[in-house]
Amino acid sequence: MSREAWIVVGVVAVATLIGAVLLAVRVVRTRRLLGTLGVNGKVAFYGALLYTVLPIDLLPDPIYLDDMAVLTGALIYLGRLVRQRRAAHTPLAGRPDVPSDDDRTHRRVP
């Protein structure tokens, strides 16, 4: 290979490494939003991080495109879990006659 080709390979390797690290950081931050994960969330979180760290991949390690794909999939899945958890803890709107849980706990008793 020529010198220019090696430079291109090096630039691509560094760019995909930076992308994989940024995605891993986002996955960890999303994990913090979830608090306690269900079994599926734990498998997605730890599986994605292990796949990224372990040397056994679909593509050779200087090319982190497969790692980025796994991290992106985990990030999408964990993001859906966050949205589901937030939706489950949101009180129903439009019913003024029924106080929400927050109103009941903060109401003063005369």
PDB file of N, CA and C in Angstrom:
ATOM      1  N   MET A   1       0.834  -1.175   0.000  1.00  0.00           N
ATOM      2  CA  MET A   1       0.000   0.000   0.000  1.00  0.00           C
ATOM      3  C   MET A   1       0.876   1.234   0.000  1.00  0.00           C
ATOM      4  N   SER A   2       0.363   2.256  -0.638  1.00  0.00           N
ATOM      5  CA  SER A   2       1.131   3.494  -0.694  1.00  0.00           C
ATOM      6  C   SER A   2       0.977   4.269   0.609  1.00  0.00           C
ATOM      7  N   ARG A   3       1.811   5.251   0.737  1.00  0.00           N
ATOM      8  CA  ARG A   3       1.800   6.059   1.951  1.00  0.00           C
ATOM      9  C   ARG A   3       0.475   6.804   2.106  1.00  0.00           C
ATOM     10  N   GLU A   4      -0.065   7.292   1.004  1.00  0.00           N
ATOM     11  CA  GLU A   4      -1.326   8.018   1.041  1.00  0.00           C
ATOM     12  C   GLU A   4      -2.479   7.111   1.489  1.00  0.00           C
ATOM     13  N   ALA A   5      -2.458   5.868   1.055  1.00  0.00           N
ATOM     14  CA  ALA A   5      -3.503   4.925   1.456  1.00  0.00           C
ATOM     15  C   ALA A   5      -3.435   4.649   2.950  1.00  0.00           C
ATOM     16  N   TRP A   6      -2.251   4.527   3.500  1.00  0.00           N
ATOM     17  CA  TRP A   6      -2.107   4.312   4.936  1.00  0.00           C
ATOM     18  C   TRP A   6      -2.603   5.523   5.720  1.00  0.00           C
ATOM     19  N   ILE A   7      -2.367   6.710   5.198  1.00  0.00           N
ATOM     20  CA  ILE A   7      -2.853   7.923   5.862  1.00  0.00           C
ATOM     21  C   ILE A   7      -4.380   7.927   5.886  1.00  0.00           C
ATOM     22  N   VAL A   8      -5.001   7.554   4.780  1.00  0.00           N
ATOM     23  CA  VAL A   8      -6.463   7.499   4.710  1.00  0.00           C
ATOM     24  C   VAL A   8      -6.998   6.455   5.696  1.00  0.00           C
ATOM     25  N   VAL A   9      -6.386   5.288   5.736  1.00  0.00           N
ATOM     26  CA  VAL A   9      -6.810   4.238   6.672  1.00  0.00           C
ATOM     27  C   VAL A   9      -6.661   4.730   8.110  1.00  0.00           C
ATOM     28  N   GLY A  10      -5.573   5.416   8.407  1.00  0.00           N
ATOM     29  CA  GLY A  10      -5.362   5.944   9.751  1.00  0.00           C
ATOM     30  C   GLY A  10      -6.402   6.990  10.132  1.00  0.00           C
ATOM     31  N   VAL A  11      -6.733   7.865   9.211  1.00  0.00           N
ATOM     32  CA  VAL A  11      -7.739   8.894   9.474  1.00  0.00           C
ATOM     33  C   VAL A  11      -9.107   8.253   9.710  1.00  0.00           C
ATOM     34  N   VAL A  12      -9.458   7.265   8.890  1.00  0.00           N
ATOM     35  CA  VAL A  12     -10.742   6.568   9.059  1.00  0.00           C
ATOM     36  C   VAL A  12     -10.783   5.835  10.394  1.00  0.00           C
ATOM     37  N   ALA A  13      -9.680   5.195  10.762  1.00  0.00           N
ATOM     38  CA  ALA A  13      -9.623   4.475  12.037  1.00  0.00           C
ATOM     39  C   ALA A  13      -9.791   5.428  13.213  1.00  0.00           C
ATOM     40  N   VAL A  14      -9.121   6.566  13.170  1.00  0.00           N
ATOM     41  CA  VAL A  14      -9.232   7.542  14.265  1.00  0.00           C
ATOM     42  C   VAL A  14     -10.642   8.121  14.318  1.00  0.00           C
ATOM     43  N   ALA A  15     -11.232   8.417  13.161  1.00  0.00           N
ATOM     44  CA  ALA A  15     -12.587   8.976  13.133  1.00  0.00           C
ATOM     45  C   ALA A  15     -13.607   7.988  13.684  1.00  0.00           C
ATOM     46  N   THR A  16     -13.498   6.720  13.314  1.00  0.00           N
ATOM     47  CA  THR A  16     -14.462   5.743  13.829  1.00  0.00           C
ATOM     48  C   THR A  16     -14.224   5.464  15.315  1.00  0.00           C
ATOM     49  N   LEU A  17     -12.971   5.528  15.763  1.00  0.00           N
ATOM     50  CA  LEU A  17     -12.682   5.365  17.188  1.00  0.00           C
ATOM     51  C   LEU A  17     -13.315   6.495  17.996  1.00  0.00           C
ATOM     52  N   ILE A  18     -13.187   7.713  17.523  1.00  0.00           N
ATOM     53  CA  ILE A  18     -13.794   8.856  18.207  1.00  0.00           C
ATOM     54  C   ILE A  18     -15.315   8.716  18.220  1.00  0.00           C
ATOM     55  N   GLY A  19     -15.895   8.295  17.101  1.00  0.00           N
ATOM     56  CA  GLY A  19     -17.336   8.086  17.053  1.00  0.00           C
ATOM     57  C   GLY A  19     -17.795   7.015  18.024  1.00  0.00           C
ATOM     58  N   ALA A  20     -17.052   5.924  18.122  1.00  0.00           N
ATOM     59  CA  ALA A  20     -17.415   4.847  19.052  1.00  0.00           C
ATOM     60  C   ALA A  20     -17.311   5.309  20.499  1.00  0.00           C
ATOM     61  N   VAL A  21     -16.295   6.081  20.820  1.00  0.00           N
ATOM     62  CA  VAL A  21     -16.141   6.582  22.188  1.00  0.00           C
ATOM     63  C   VAL A  21     -17.287   7.541  22.531  1.00  0.00           C
ATOM     64  N   LEU A  22     -17.642   8.426  21.610  1.00  0.00           N
ATOM     65  CA  LEU A  22     -18.749   9.350  21.858  1.00  0.00           C
ATOM     66  C   LEU A  22     -20.071   8.603  22.049  1.00  0.00           C
ATOM     67  N   LEU A  23     -20.302   7.578  21.252  1.00  0.00           N
ATOM     68  CA  LEU A  23     -21.520   6.774  21.409  1.00  0.00           C
ATOM     69  C   LEU A  23     -21.517   6.029  22.741  1.00  0.00           C
ATOM     70  N   ALA A  24     -20.375   5.503  23.146  1.00  0.00           N
ATOM     71  CA  ALA A  24     -20.288   4.806  24.434  1.00  0.00           C
ATOM     72  C   ALA A  24     -20.597   5.758  25.587  1.00  0.00           C
ATOM     73  N   VAL A  25     -20.136   6.989  25.507  1.00  0.00           N
ATOM     74  CA  VAL A  25     -20.426   7.979  26.538  1.00  0.00           C
ATOM     75  C   VAL A  25     -21.920   8.272  26.580  1.00  0.00           C
ATOM     76  N   ARG A  26     -22.542   8.384  25.419  1.00  0.00           N
ATOM     77  CA  ARG A  26     -23.995   8.632  25.386  1.00  0.00           C
ATOM     78  C   ARG A  26     -24.775   7.452  25.953  1.00  0.00           C
ATOM     79  N   VAL A  27     -24.320   6.237  25.681  1.00  0.00           N
ATOM     80  CA  VAL A  27     -24.992   5.058  26.236  1.00  0.00           C
ATOM     81  C   VAL A  27     -24.896   5.073  27.760  1.00  0.00           C
ATOM     82  N   VAL A  28     -23.739   5.418  28.303  1.00  0.00           N
ATOM     83  CA  VAL A  28     -23.563   5.471  29.754  1.00  0.00           C
ATOM     84  C   VAL A  28     -24.443   6.568  30.352  1.00  0.00           C
ATOM     85  N   ARG A  29     -24.525   7.714  29.702  1.00  0.00           N
ATOM     86  CA  ARG A  29     -25.388   8.789  30.204  1.00  0.00           C
ATOM     87  C   ARG A  29     -26.856   8.392  30.166  1.00  0.00           C
ATOM     88  N   THR A  30     -27.262   7.691  29.131  1.00  0.00           N
ATOM     89  CA  THR A  30     -28.649   7.226  29.045  1.00  0.00           C
ATOM     90  C   THR A  30     -28.914   6.200  30.132  1.00  0.00           C
ATOM     91  N   ARG A  31     -27.966   5.369  30.437  1.00  0.00           N
ATOM     92  CA  ARG A  31     -28.095   4.368  31.494  1.00  0.00           C
ATOM     93  C   ARG A  31     -28.356   5.053  32.835  1.00  0.00           C
ATOM     94  N   ARG A  32     -27.693   6.186  33.065  1.00  0.00           N
ATOM     95  CA  ARG A  32     -27.885   6.917  34.318  1.00  0.00           C
ATOM     96  C   ARG A  32     -29.307   7.452  34.427  1.00  0.00           C
ATOM     97  N   LEU A  33     -29.940   7.785  33.312  1.00  0.00           N
ATOM     98  CA  LEU A  33     -31.313   8.275  33.330  1.00  0.00           C
ATOM     99  C   LEU A  33     -32.297   7.195  33.742  1.00  0.00           C
ATOM    100  N   LEU A  34     -31.973   5.958  33.492  1.00  0.00           N
ATOM    101  CA  LEU A  34     -32.904   4.871  33.752  1.00  0.00           C
ATOM    102  C   LEU A  34     -32.965   4.459  35.218  1.00  0.00           C
ATOM    103  N   GLY A  35     -31.936   4.724  35.965  1.00  0.00           N
ATOM    104  CA  GLY A  35     -31.925   4.260  37.354  1.00  0.00           C
ATOM    105  C   GLY A  35     -31.739   2.756  37.376  1.00  0.00           C
ATOM    106  N   THR A  36     -32.793   2.061  37.679  1.00  0.00           N
ATOM    107  CA  THR A  36     -32.728   0.600  37.673  1.00  0.00           C
ATOM    108  C   THR A  36     -33.283   0.086  36.358  1.00  0.00           C
ATOM    109  N   LEU A  37     -32.529  -0.746  35.717  1.00  0.00           N
ATOM    110  CA  LEU A  37     -32.928  -1.300  34.428  1.00  0.00           C
ATOM    111  C   LEU A  37     -33.626  -2.628  34.621  1.00  0.00           C
ATOM    112  N   GLY A  38     -34.500  -2.949  33.696  1.00  0.00           N
ATOM    113  CA  GLY A  38     -35.033  -4.298  33.652  1.00  0.00           C
ATOM    114  C   GLY A  38     -33.964  -5.219  33.080  1.00  0.00           C
ATOM    115  N   VAL A  39     -34.276  -6.478  32.974  1.00  0.00           N
ATOM    116  CA  VAL A  39     -33.306  -7.453  32.455  1.00  0.00           C
ATOM    117  C   VAL A  39     -32.919  -7.112  31.015  1.00  0.00           C
ATOM    118  N   ASN A  40     -33.901  -6.763  30.191  1.00  0.00           N
ATOM    119  CA  ASN A  40     -33.599  -6.444  28.793  1.00  0.00           C
ATOM    120  C   ASN A  40     -32.713  -5.210  28.671  1.00  0.00           C
ATOM    121  N   GLY A  41     -32.956  -4.210  29.510  1.00  0.00           N
ATOM    122  CA  GLY A  41     -32.130  -3.008  29.487  1.00  0.00           C
ATOM    123  C   GLY A  41     -30.704  -3.290  29.925  1.00  0.00           C
ATOM    124  N   LYS A  42     -30.555  -4.148  30.938  1.00  0.00           N
ATOM    125  CA  LYS A  42     -29.208  -4.501  31.394  1.00  0.00           C
ATOM    126  C   LYS A  42     -28.448  -5.274  30.328  1.00  0.00           C
ATOM    127  N   VAL A  43     -29.140  -6.186  29.653  1.00  0.00           N
ATOM    128  CA  VAL A  43     -28.492  -6.957  28.587  1.00  0.00           C
ATOM    129  C   VAL A  43     -28.061  -6.030  27.458  1.00  0.00           C
ATOM    130  N   ALA A  44     -28.925  -5.095  27.069  1.00  0.00           N
ATOM    131  CA  ALA A  44     -28.581  -4.160  25.998  1.00  0.00           C
ATOM    132  C   ALA A  44     -27.406  -3.281  26.397  1.00  0.00           C
ATOM    133  N   PHE A  45     -27.430  -2.768  27.612  1.00  0.00           N
ATOM    134  CA  PHE A  45     -26.372  -1.865  28.071  1.00  0.00           C
ATOM    135  C   PHE A  45     -25.019  -2.577  28.165  1.00  0.00           C
ATOM    136  N   TYR A  46     -24.989  -3.649  28.957  1.00  0.00           N
ATOM    137  CA  TYR A  46     -23.709  -4.343  29.162  1.00  0.00           C
ATOM    138  C   TYR A  46     -23.252  -5.086  27.907  1.00  0.00           C
ATOM    139  N   GLY A  47     -24.194  -5.615  27.138  1.00  0.00           N
ATOM    140  CA  GLY A  47     -23.828  -6.298  25.899  1.00  0.00           C
ATOM    141  C   GLY A  47     -23.168  -5.363  24.903  1.00  0.00           C
ATOM    142  N   ALA A  48     -23.723  -4.158  24.758  1.00  0.00           N
ATOM    143  CA  ALA A  48     -23.140  -3.185  23.829  1.00  0.00           C
ATOM    144  C   ALA A  48     -21.749  -2.760  24.278  1.00  0.00           C
ATOM    145  N   LEU A  49     -21.587  -2.515  25.574  1.00  0.00           N
ATOM    146  CA  LEU A  49     -20.261  -2.108  26.055  1.00  0.00           C
ATOM    147  C   LEU A  49     -19.243  -3.236  25.939  1.00  0.00           C
ATOM    148  N   LEU A  50     -19.655  -4.473  26.246  1.00  0.00           N
ATOM    149  CA  LEU A  50     -18.732  -5.604  26.108  1.00  0.00           C
ATOM    150  C   LEU A  50     -18.345  -5.836  24.655  1.00  0.00           C
ATOM    151  N   TYR A  51     -19.313  -5.726  23.750  1.00  0.00           N
ATOM    152  CA  TYR A  51     -19.003  -5.913  22.333  1.00  0.00           C
ATOM    153  C   TYR A  51     -18.000  -4.862  21.871  1.00  0.00           C
ATOM    154  N   THR A  52     -18.129  -3.646  22.389  1.00  0.00           N
ATOM    155  CA  THR A  52     -17.213  -2.578  21.988  1.00  0.00           C
ATOM    156  C   THR A  52     -15.810  -2.811  22.525  1.00  0.00           C
ATOM    157  N   VAL A  53     -15.702  -3.326  23.738  1.00  0.00           N
ATOM    158  CA  VAL A  53     -14.401  -3.480  24.381  1.00  0.00           C
ATOM    159  C   VAL A  53     -13.678  -4.755  23.943  1.00  0.00           C
ATOM    160  N   LEU A  54     -14.424  -5.846  23.769  1.00  0.00           N
ATOM    161  CA  LEU A  54     -13.783  -7.121  23.431  1.00  0.00           C
ATOM    162  C   LEU A  54     -13.175  -7.095  22.028  1.00  0.00           C
ATOM    163  N   PRO A  55     -12.081  -7.794  21.828  1.00  0.00           N
ATOM    164  CA  PRO A  55     -11.405  -7.773  20.525  1.00  0.00           C
ATOM    165  C   PRO A  55     -12.080  -8.636  19.455  1.00  0.00           C
ATOM    166  N   ILE A  56     -13.045  -9.471  19.836  1.00  0.00           N
ATOM    167  CA  ILE A  56     -13.713 -10.331  18.853  1.00  0.00           C
ATOM    168  C   ILE A  56     -14.874  -9.549  18.247  1.00  0.00           C
ATOM    169  N   ASP A  57     -14.768  -9.196  16.975  1.00  0.00           N
ATOM    170  CA  ASP A  57     -15.769  -8.382  16.289  1.00  0.00           C
ATOM    171  C   ASP A  57     -16.088  -8.968  14.931  1.00  0.00           C
ATOM    172  N   LEU A  58     -17.106  -8.376  14.290  1.00  0.00           N
ATOM    173  CA  LEU A  58     -17.413  -8.745  12.909  1.00  0.00           C
ATOM    174  C   LEU A  58     -16.382  -8.157  11.953  1.00  0.00           C
ATOM    175  N   LEU A  59     -15.910  -6.960  12.267  1.00  0.00           N
ATOM    176  CA  LEU A  59     -14.881  -6.293  11.470  1.00  0.00           C
ATOM    177  C   LEU A  59     -13.626  -6.148  12.328  1.00  0.00           C
ATOM    178  N   PRO A  60     -12.456  -6.039  11.713  1.00  0.00           N
ATOM    179  CA  PRO A  60     -11.228  -5.859  12.495  1.00  0.00           C
ATOM    180  C   PRO A  60     -11.304  -4.592  13.359  1.00  0.00           C
ATOM    181  N   ASP A  61     -10.607  -4.596  14.480  1.00  0.00           N
ATOM    182  CA  ASP A  61     -10.728  -3.494  15.430  1.00  0.00           C
ATOM    183  C   ASP A  61     -10.302  -2.116  14.930  1.00  0.00           C
ATOM    184  N   PRO A  62      -9.396  -1.947  14.008  1.00  0.00           N
ATOM    185  CA  PRO A  62      -9.138  -0.571  13.561  1.00  0.00           C
ATOM    186  C   PRO A  62     -10.353   0.070  12.890  1.00  0.00           C
ATOM    187  N   ILE A  63     -11.320  -0.733  12.469  1.00  0.00           N
ATOM    188  CA  ILE A  63     -12.542  -0.205  11.866  1.00  0.00           C
ATOM    189  C   ILE A  63     -13.664  -0.428  12.871  1.00  0.00           C
ATOM    190  N   TYR A  64     -14.166   0.644  13.467  1.00  0.00           N
ATOM    191  CA  TYR A  64     -15.136   0.536  14.558  1.00  0.00           C
ATOM    192  C   TYR A  64     -16.575   0.727  14.084  1.00  0.00           C
ATOM    193  N   LEU A  65     -16.853   0.508  12.810  1.00  0.00           N
ATOM    194  CA  LEU A  65     -18.205   0.716  12.300  1.00  0.00           C
ATOM    195  C   LEU A  65     -19.199  -0.265  12.917  1.00  0.00           C
ATOM    196  N   ASP A  66     -18.807  -1.517  13.107  1.00  0.00           N
ATOM    197  CA  ASP A  66     -19.720  -2.483  13.723  1.00  0.00           C
ATOM    198  C   ASP A  66     -19.945  -2.156  15.190  1.00  0.00           C
ATOM    199  N   ASP A  67     -18.915  -1.689  15.874  1.00  0.00           N
ATOM    200  CA  ASP A  67     -19.067  -1.273  17.263  1.00  0.00           C
ATOM    201  C   ASP A  67     -20.013  -0.086  17.359  1.00  0.00           C
ATOM    202  N   MET A  68     -19.878   0.847  16.427  1.00  0.00           N
ATOM    203  CA  MET A  68     -20.757   2.008  16.413  1.00  0.00           C
ATOM    204  C   MET A  68     -22.202   1.592  16.148  1.00  0.00           C
ATOM    205  N   ALA A  69     -22.410   0.608  15.297  1.00  0.00           N
ATOM    206  CA  ALA A  69     -23.767   0.134  15.012  1.00  0.00           C
ATOM    207  C   ALA A  69     -24.389  -0.508  16.253  1.00  0.00           C
ATOM    208  N   VAL A  70     -23.627  -1.308  16.977  1.00  0.00           N
ATOM    209  CA  VAL A  70     -24.141  -1.950  18.193  1.00  0.00           C
ATOM    210  C   VAL A  70     -24.437  -0.892  19.257  1.00  0.00           C
ATOM    211  N   LEU A  71     -23.552   0.077  19.437  1.00  0.00           N
ATOM    212  CA  LEU A  71     -23.785   1.142  20.409  1.00  0.00           C
ATOM    213  C   LEU A  71     -24.998   1.994  20.032  1.00  0.00           C
ATOM    214  N   THR A  72     -25.161   2.266  18.750  1.00  0.00           N
ATOM    215  CA  THR A  72     -26.323   3.033  18.299  1.00  0.00           C
ATOM    216  C   THR A  72     -27.605   2.270  18.564  1.00  0.00           C
ATOM    217  N   GLY A  73     -27.619   0.974  18.291  1.00  0.00           N
ATOM    218  CA  GLY A  73     -28.797   0.159  18.575  1.00  0.00           C
ATOM    219  C   GLY A  73     -29.130   0.148  20.061  1.00  0.00           C
ATOM    220  N   ALA A  74     -28.125   0.022  20.898  1.00  0.00           N
ATOM    221  CA  ALA A  74     -28.353   0.046  22.347  1.00  0.00           C
ATOM    222  C   ALA A  74     -28.847   1.411  22.796  1.00  0.00           C
ATOM    223  N   LEU A  75     -28.311   2.466  22.207  1.00  0.00           N
ATOM    224  CA  LEU A  75     -28.739   3.814  22.557  1.00  0.00           C
ATOM    225  C   LEU A  75     -30.200   4.046  22.180  1.00  0.00           C
ATOM    226  N   ILE A  76     -30.603   3.567  21.027  1.00  0.00           N
ATOM    227  CA  ILE A  76     -31.995   3.688  20.602  1.00  0.00           C
ATOM    228  C   ILE A  76     -32.904   2.907  21.547  1.00  0.00           C
ATOM    229  N   TYR A  77     -32.514   1.690  21.873  1.00  0.00           N
ATOM    230  CA  TYR A  77     -33.328   0.858  22.765  1.00  0.00           C
ATOM    231  C   TYR A  77     -33.428   1.463  24.162  1.00  0.00           C
ATOM    232  N   LEU A  78     -32.307   1.926  24.707  1.00  0.00           N
ATOM    233  CA  LEU A  78     -32.326   2.529  26.032  1.00  0.00           C
ATOM    234  C   LEU A  78     -33.112   3.836  26.032  1.00  0.00           C
ATOM    235  N   GLY A  79     -33.048   4.580  24.944  1.00  0.00           N
ATOM    236  CA  GLY A  79     -33.852   5.795  24.822  1.00  0.00           C
ATOM    237  C   GLY A  79     -35.341   5.494  24.854  1.00  0.00           C
ATOM    238  N   ARG A  80     -35.738   4.408  24.206  1.00  0.00           N
ATOM    239  CA  ARG A  80     -37.148   3.994  24.268  1.00  0.00           C
ATOM    240  C   ARG A  80     -37.543   3.597  25.681  1.00  0.00           C
ATOM    241  N   LEU A  81     -36.665   2.923  26.399  1.00  0.00           N
ATOM    242  CA  LEU A  81     -36.965   2.571  27.789  1.00  0.00           C
ATOM    243  C   LEU A  81     -37.127   3.818  28.653  1.00  0.00           C
ATOM    244  N   VAL A  82     -36.301   4.835  28.413  1.00  0.00           N
ATOM    245  CA  VAL A  82     -36.412   6.087  29.159  1.00  0.00           C
ATOM    246  C   VAL A  82     -37.763   6.736  28.881  1.00  0.00           C
ATOM    247  N   ARG A  83     -38.162   6.802  27.605  1.00  0.00           N
ATOM    248  CA  ARG A  83     -39.452   7.405  27.259  1.00  0.00           C
ATOM    249  C   ARG A  83     -40.608   6.621  27.874  1.00  0.00           C
ATOM    250  N   GLN A  84     -40.526   5.290  27.864  1.00  0.00           N
ATOM    251  CA  GLN A  84     -41.585   4.478  28.464  1.00  0.00           C
ATOM    252  C   GLN A  84     -41.669   4.709  29.964  1.00  0.00           C
ATOM    253  N   ARG A  85     -40.529   4.814  30.620  1.00  0.00           N
ATOM    254  CA  ARG A  85     -40.520   5.024  32.060  1.00  0.00           C
ATOM    255  C   ARG A  85     -41.101   6.390  32.406  1.00  0.00           C
ATOM    256  N   ARG A  86     -40.741   7.414  31.634  1.00  0.00           N
ATOM    257  CA  ARG A  86     -41.283   8.753  31.883  1.00  0.00           C
ATOM    258  C   ARG A  86     -42.788   8.788  31.632  1.00  0.00           C
ATOM    259  N   ALA A  87     -43.251   8.099  30.582  1.00  0.00           N
ATOM    260  CA  ALA A  87     -44.685   8.069  30.285  1.00  0.00           C
ATOM    261  C   ALA A  87     -45.453   7.331  31.373  1.00  0.00           C
ATOM    262  N   ALA A  88     -44.871   6.319  31.958  1.00  0.00           N
ATOM    263  CA  ALA A  88     -45.549   5.550  33.000  1.00  0.00           C
ATOM    264  C   ALA A  88     -45.690   6.353  34.288  1.00  0.00           C
ATOM    265  N   HIS A  89     -44.790   7.295  34.532  1.00  0.00           N
ATOM    266  CA  HIS A  89     -44.825   8.072  35.767  1.00  0.00           C
ATOM    267  C   HIS A  89     -45.499   9.428  35.595  1.00  0.00           C
ATOM    268  N   THR A  90     -46.040   9.734  34.410  1.00  0.00           N
ATOM    269  CA  THR A  90     -46.718  10.993  34.170  1.00  0.00           C
ATOM    270  C   THR A  90     -48.184  10.850  34.554  1.00  0.00           C
ATOM    271  N   PRO A  91     -48.717  11.756  35.403  1.00  0.00           N
ATOM    272  CA  PRO A  91     -50.133  11.652  35.765  1.00  0.00           C
ATOM    273  C   PRO A  91     -51.019  12.000  34.576  1.00  0.00           C
ATOM    274  N   LEU A  92     -52.230  11.476  34.591  1.00  0.00           N
ATOM    275  CA  LEU A  92     -53.181  11.746  33.519  1.00  0.00           C
ATOM    276  C   LEU A  92     -53.609  13.201  33.557  1.00  0.00           C
ATOM    277  N   ALA A  93     -53.587  13.860  32.416  1.00  0.00           N
ATOM    278  CA  ALA A  93     -54.001  15.256  32.328  1.00  0.00           C
ATOM    279  C   ALA A  93     -55.458  15.321  31.890  1.00  0.00           C
ATOM    280  N   GLY A  94     -56.111  16.439  32.175  1.00  0.00           N
ATOM    281  CA  GLY A  94     -57.474  16.632  31.713  1.00  0.00           C
ATOM    282  C   GLY A  94     -58.530  16.196  32.701  1.00  0.00           C
ATOM    283  N   ARG A  95     -58.158  15.751  33.882  1.00  0.00           N
ATOM    284  CA  ARG A  95     -59.123  15.340  34.907  1.00  0.00           C
ATOM    285  C   ARG A  95     -58.910  16.213  36.144  1.00  0.00           C
ATOM    286  N   PRO A  96     -59.485  17.416  36.167  1.00  0.00           N
ATOM    287  CA  PRO A  96     -59.241  18.308  37.302  1.00  0.00           C
ATOM    288  C   PRO A  96     -59.888  17.830  38.600  1.00  0.00           C
ATOM    289  N   ASP A  97     -60.902  16.961  38.490  1.00  0.00           N
ATOM    290  CA  ASP A  97     -61.575  16.494  39.695  1.00  0.00           C
ATOM    291  C   ASP A  97     -60.781  15.437  40.443  1.00  0.00           C
ATOM    292  N   VAL A  98     -59.789  14.825  39.789  1.00  0.00           N
ATOM    293  CA  VAL A  98     -58.986  13.793  40.429  1.00  0.00           C
ATOM    294  C   VAL A  98     -57.581  14.356  40.645  1.00  0.00           C
ATOM    295  N   PRO A  99     -57.192  14.575  41.905  1.00  0.00           N
ATOM    296  CA  PRO A  99     -55.846  15.118  42.138  1.00  0.00           C
ATOM    297  C   PRO A  99     -54.778  14.087  41.791  1.00  0.00           C
ATOM    298  N   SER A 100     -53.660  14.584  41.309  1.00  0.00           N
ATOM    299  CA  SER A 100     -52.543  13.689  41.000  1.00  0.00           C
ATOM    300  C   SER A 100     -51.870  13.262  42.289  1.00  0.00           C
ATOM    301  N   ASP A 101     -50.952  12.324  42.200  1.00  0.00           N
ATOM    302  CA  ASP A 101     -50.218  11.853  43.378  1.00  0.00           C
ATOM    303  C   ASP A 101     -49.456  12.983  44.045  1.00  0.00           C
ATOM    304  N   ASP A 102     -48.910  13.890  43.224  1.00  0.00           N
ATOM    305  CA  ASP A 102     -48.149  15.010  43.784  1.00  0.00           C
ATOM    306  C   ASP A 102     -49.051  15.911  44.611  1.00  0.00           C
ATOM    307  N   ASP A 103     -50.301  16.141  44.154  1.00  0.00           N
ATOM    308  CA  ASP A 103     -51.229  16.985  44.904  1.00  0.00           C
ATOM    309  C   ASP A 103     -51.600  16.351  46.220  1.00  0.00           C
ATOM    310  N   ARG A 104     -51.755  15.056  46.262  1.00  0.00           N
ATOM    311  CA  ARG A 104     -52.147  14.362  47.495  1.00  0.00           C
ATOM    312  C   ARG A 104     -51.027  14.393  48.531  1.00  0.00           C
ATOM    313  N   THR A 105     -49.819  14.270  48.104  1.00  0.00           N
ATOM    314  CA  THR A 105     -48.723  14.213  49.069  1.00  0.00           C
ATOM    315  C   THR A 105     -48.353  15.586  49.609  1.00  0.00           C
ATOM    316  N   HIS A 106     -48.633  16.653  48.863  1.00  0.00           N
ATOM    317  CA  HIS A 106     -48.239  17.986  49.277  1.00  0.00           C
ATOM    318  C   HIS A 106     -49.415  18.809  49.807  1.00  0.00           C
ATOM    319  N   ARG A 107     -50.591  18.193  49.937  1.00  0.00           N
ATOM    320  CA  ARG A 107     -51.762  18.910  50.434  1.00  0.00           C
ATOM    321  C   ARG A 107     -51.656  19.087  51.946  1.00  0.00           C
ATOM    322  N   ARG A 108     -52.005  20.282  52.395  1.00  0.00           N
ATOM    323  CA  ARG A 108     -51.985  20.543  53.824  1.00  0.00           C
ATOM    324  C   ARG A 108     -53.278  20.063  54.458  1.00  0.00           C
ATOM    325  N   VAL A 109     -53.153  19.506  55.632  1.00  0.00           N
ATOM    326  CA  VAL A 109     -54.308  19.072  56.390  1.00  0.00           C
ATOM    327  C   VAL A 109     -54.621  20.135  57.428  1.00  0.00           C
ATOM    328  N   PRO A 110     -55.895  20.659  57.453  1.00  0.00           N
ATOM    329  CA  PRO A 110     -56.212  21.739  58.418  1.00  0.00           C
ATOM    330  C   PRO A 110     -56.257  21.264  59.851  1.00  0.00           C
TER     331      PRO A 110
END
